[in-house]
Amino acid sequence: MKYIKQKSTGKIVHRDLPHTDQTLEFAVYRTGISENDLEVVESDWTEDEWTVAMNNQLPYSDRRKSEYPTIEECVHAILDGELDDLQIKRQAVKNKYPKEI
């Protein structure tokens, strides 16, 4: 499997199954990044490894949002007097995805 990466940042900008010669042209069109700053890279990653790689490109705040307790869980914690448990869950997510400095 091949993907296209921006050379200057290392960020994955496109993944294609199967890769074609037009894929690089499409990535340039879609991203506005110069073709000189893009490279095609071969990968043998599994779907899980792809998911991790793509998630690691997201800002920490987006990664946190997907794992924070839902509003519904927060309301239930407040009404049921379980704020300490809620804070423990939130802190675990913050520790997993610390603020980027």
C-alpha atoms as a PDB file:
ATOM      1  CA  MET A   1       0.000   0.000   0.000  1.00  0.00           C
ATOM      2  CA  LYS A   2       1.254   3.474  -0.799  1.00  0.00           C
ATOM      3  CA  TYR A   3       0.526   6.858   0.683  1.00  0.00           C
ATOM      4  CA  ILE A   4       1.584  10.422   0.028  1.00  0.00           C
ATOM      5  CA  LYS A   5       3.451  12.366   2.662  1.00  0.00           C
ATOM      6  CA  GLN A   6       4.435  16.015   2.839  1.00  0.00           C
ATOM      7  CA  LYS A   7       8.242  16.098   2.996  1.00  0.00           C
ATOM      8  CA  SER A   8       8.534  19.295   5.035  1.00  0.00           C
ATOM      9  CA  THR A   9       6.152  18.205   7.819  1.00  0.00           C
ATOM     10  CA  GLY A  10       6.074  14.412   7.568  1.00  0.00           C
ATOM     11  CA  LYS A  11       2.264  14.609   7.575  1.00  0.00           C
ATOM     12  CA  ILE A  12       0.286  12.019   5.618  1.00  0.00           C
ATOM     13  CA  VAL A  13      -1.856  13.913   3.119  1.00  0.00           C
ATOM     14  CA  HIS A  14      -3.365  11.102   1.067  1.00  0.00           C
ATOM     15  CA  ARG A  15      -3.797   7.342   1.088  1.00  0.00           C
ATOM     16  CA  ASP A  16      -4.871   5.484  -1.999  1.00  0.00           C
ATOM     17  CA  LEU A  17      -5.934   1.895  -2.561  1.00  0.00           C
ATOM     18  CA  PRO A  18      -4.622   1.024  -5.102  1.00  0.00           C
ATOM     19  CA  HIS A  19      -2.089   3.754  -5.817  1.00  0.00           C
ATOM     20  CA  THR A  20      -2.105   5.154  -9.350  1.00  0.00           C
ATOM     21  CA  ASP A  21       0.101   7.608 -11.203  1.00  0.00           C
ATOM     22  CA  GLN A  22      -2.688  10.190 -10.968  1.00  0.00           C
ATOM     23  CA  THR A  23      -2.773   9.998  -7.181  1.00  0.00           C
ATOM     24  CA  LEU A  24       0.084  12.477  -6.746  1.00  0.00           C
ATOM     25  CA  GLU A  25      -1.631  14.931  -9.091  1.00  0.00           C
ATOM     26  CA  PHE A  26      -4.846  14.535  -7.095  1.00  0.00           C
ATOM     27  CA  ALA A  27      -3.006  15.152  -3.799  1.00  0.00           C
ATOM     28  CA  VAL A  28      -1.482  18.350  -5.211  1.00  0.00           C
ATOM     29  CA  TYR A  29      -4.916  19.493  -6.386  1.00  0.00           C
ATOM     30  CA  ARG A  30      -6.654  18.556  -3.112  1.00  0.00           C
ATOM     31  CA  THR A  31      -4.093  19.978  -0.687  1.00  0.00           C
ATOM     32  CA  GLY A  32      -2.535  22.833  -2.639  1.00  0.00           C
ATOM     33  CA  ILE A  33       0.906  21.554  -1.612  1.00  0.00           C
ATOM     34  CA  SER A  34       3.643  21.741  -4.233  1.00  0.00           C
ATOM     35  CA  GLU A  35       4.507  18.453  -5.918  1.00  0.00           C
ATOM     36  CA  ASN A  36       8.141  19.082  -4.906  1.00  0.00           C
ATOM     37  CA  ASP A  37       7.088  18.879  -1.237  1.00  0.00           C
ATOM     38  CA  LEU A  38       5.237  15.560  -1.653  1.00  0.00           C
ATOM     39  CA  GLU A  39       6.568  12.029  -1.829  1.00  0.00           C
ATOM     40  CA  VAL A  40       5.015   8.625  -2.406  1.00  0.00           C
ATOM     41  CA  VAL A  41       5.876   6.181   0.372  1.00  0.00           C
ATOM     42  CA  GLU A  42       5.415   2.408   0.475  1.00  0.00           C
ATOM     43  CA  SER A  43       3.821   0.991   3.620  1.00  0.00           C
ATOM     44  CA  ASP A  44       2.833  -2.392   4.986  1.00  0.00           C
ATOM     45  CA  TRP A  45       0.762  -0.939   7.848  1.00  0.00           C
ATOM     46  CA  THR A  46      -2.348  -2.724   9.055  1.00  0.00           C
ATOM     47  CA  GLU A  47      -5.675  -0.869   9.316  1.00  0.00           C
ATOM     48  CA  ASP A  48      -5.077  -0.397  13.062  1.00  0.00           C
ATOM     49  CA  GLU A  49      -1.636   1.093  12.399  1.00  0.00           C
ATOM     50  CA  TRP A  50      -3.210   3.435   9.832  1.00  0.00           C
ATOM     51  CA  THR A  51      -5.776   4.575  12.370  1.00  0.00           C
ATOM     52  CA  VAL A  52      -3.075   5.294  14.939  1.00  0.00           C
ATOM     53  CA  ALA A  53      -0.933   7.176  12.410  1.00  0.00           C
ATOM     54  CA  MET A  54      -3.850   9.322  11.266  1.00  0.00           C
ATOM     55  CA  ASN A  55      -5.013  10.027  14.831  1.00  0.00           C
ATOM     56  CA  ASN A  56      -1.488  11.034  15.839  1.00  0.00           C
ATOM     57  CA  GLN A  57      -1.669  13.815  13.254  1.00  0.00           C
ATOM     58  CA  LEU A  58      -4.676  15.377  14.976  1.00  0.00           C
ATOM     59  CA  PRO A  59      -4.173  18.114  17.567  1.00  0.00           C
ATOM     60  CA  TYR A  60      -4.278  16.858  21.153  1.00  0.00           C
ATOM     61  CA  SER A  61      -7.616  18.620  21.704  1.00  0.00           C
ATOM     62  CA  ASP A  62      -9.320  16.583  18.967  1.00  0.00           C
ATOM     63  CA  ARG A  63      -7.853  13.342  20.283  1.00  0.00           C
ATOM     64  CA  ARG A  64      -9.120  14.212  23.766  1.00  0.00           C
ATOM     65  CA  LYS A  65     -12.625  15.042  22.565  1.00  0.00           C
ATOM     66  CA  SER A  66     -13.155  11.571  21.179  1.00  0.00           C
ATOM     67  CA  GLU A  67     -12.405   9.966  24.554  1.00  0.00           C
ATOM     68  CA  TYR A  68     -13.830  12.459  27.043  1.00  0.00           C
ATOM     69  CA  PRO A  69     -17.048  11.470  28.836  1.00  0.00           C
ATOM     70  CA  THR A  70     -20.144  12.490  26.883  1.00  0.00           C
ATOM     71  CA  ILE A  71     -22.462  15.264  28.030  1.00  0.00           C
ATOM     72  CA  GLU A  72     -24.939  12.573  29.022  1.00  0.00           C
ATOM     73  CA  GLU A  73     -22.310  10.865  31.193  1.00  0.00           C
ATOM     74  CA  CYS A  74     -21.475  14.224  32.792  1.00  0.00           C
ATOM     75  CA  VAL A  75     -25.128  14.934  33.605  1.00  0.00           C
ATOM     76  CA  HIS A  76     -25.553  11.484  35.134  1.00  0.00           C
ATOM     77  CA  ALA A  77     -22.384  11.932  37.193  1.00  0.00           C
ATOM     78  CA  ILE A  78     -23.667  15.263  38.536  1.00  0.00           C
ATOM     79  CA  LEU A  79     -27.135  13.917  39.326  1.00  0.00           C
ATOM     80  CA  ASP A  80     -25.823  10.684  40.830  1.00  0.00           C
ATOM     81  CA  GLY A  81     -23.121  12.371  42.925  1.00  0.00           C
ATOM     82  CA  GLU A  82     -20.275  10.682  41.029  1.00  0.00           C
ATOM     83  CA  LEU A  83     -18.177  13.722  40.174  1.00  0.00           C
ATOM     84  CA  ASP A  84     -15.005  12.158  41.559  1.00  0.00           C
ATOM     85  CA  ASP A  85     -15.313   9.220  39.130  1.00  0.00           C
ATOM     86  CA  LEU A  86     -15.949  11.640  36.275  1.00  0.00           C
ATOM     87  CA  GLN A  87     -12.860  13.665  37.125  1.00  0.00           C
ATOM     88  CA  ILE A  88     -10.762  10.488  37.253  1.00  0.00           C
ATOM     89  CA  LYS A  89     -11.931   9.576  33.718  1.00  0.00           C
ATOM     90  CA  ARG A  90     -11.223  13.087  32.434  1.00  0.00           C
ATOM     91  CA  GLN A  91      -7.764  13.158  34.019  1.00  0.00           C
ATOM     92  CA  ALA A  92      -6.898   9.793  32.453  1.00  0.00           C
ATOM     93  CA  VAL A  93      -7.687  11.239  29.006  1.00  0.00           C
ATOM     94  CA  LYS A  94      -5.643  14.368  29.764  1.00  0.00           C
ATOM     95  CA  ASN A  95      -2.697  12.198  30.828  1.00  0.00           C
ATOM     96  CA  LYS A  96      -3.002  10.080  27.672  1.00  0.00           C
ATOM     97  CA  TYR A  97      -3.079  13.188  25.423  1.00  0.00           C
ATOM     98  CA  PRO A  98      -1.106  15.946  27.182  1.00  0.00           C
ATOM     99  CA  LYS A  99      -1.151  19.511  25.910  1.00  0.00           C
ATOM    100  CA  GLU A 100       1.387  20.144  23.204  1.00  0.00           C
ATOM    101  CA  ILE A 101       3.864  22.817  24.125  1.00  0.00           C
END
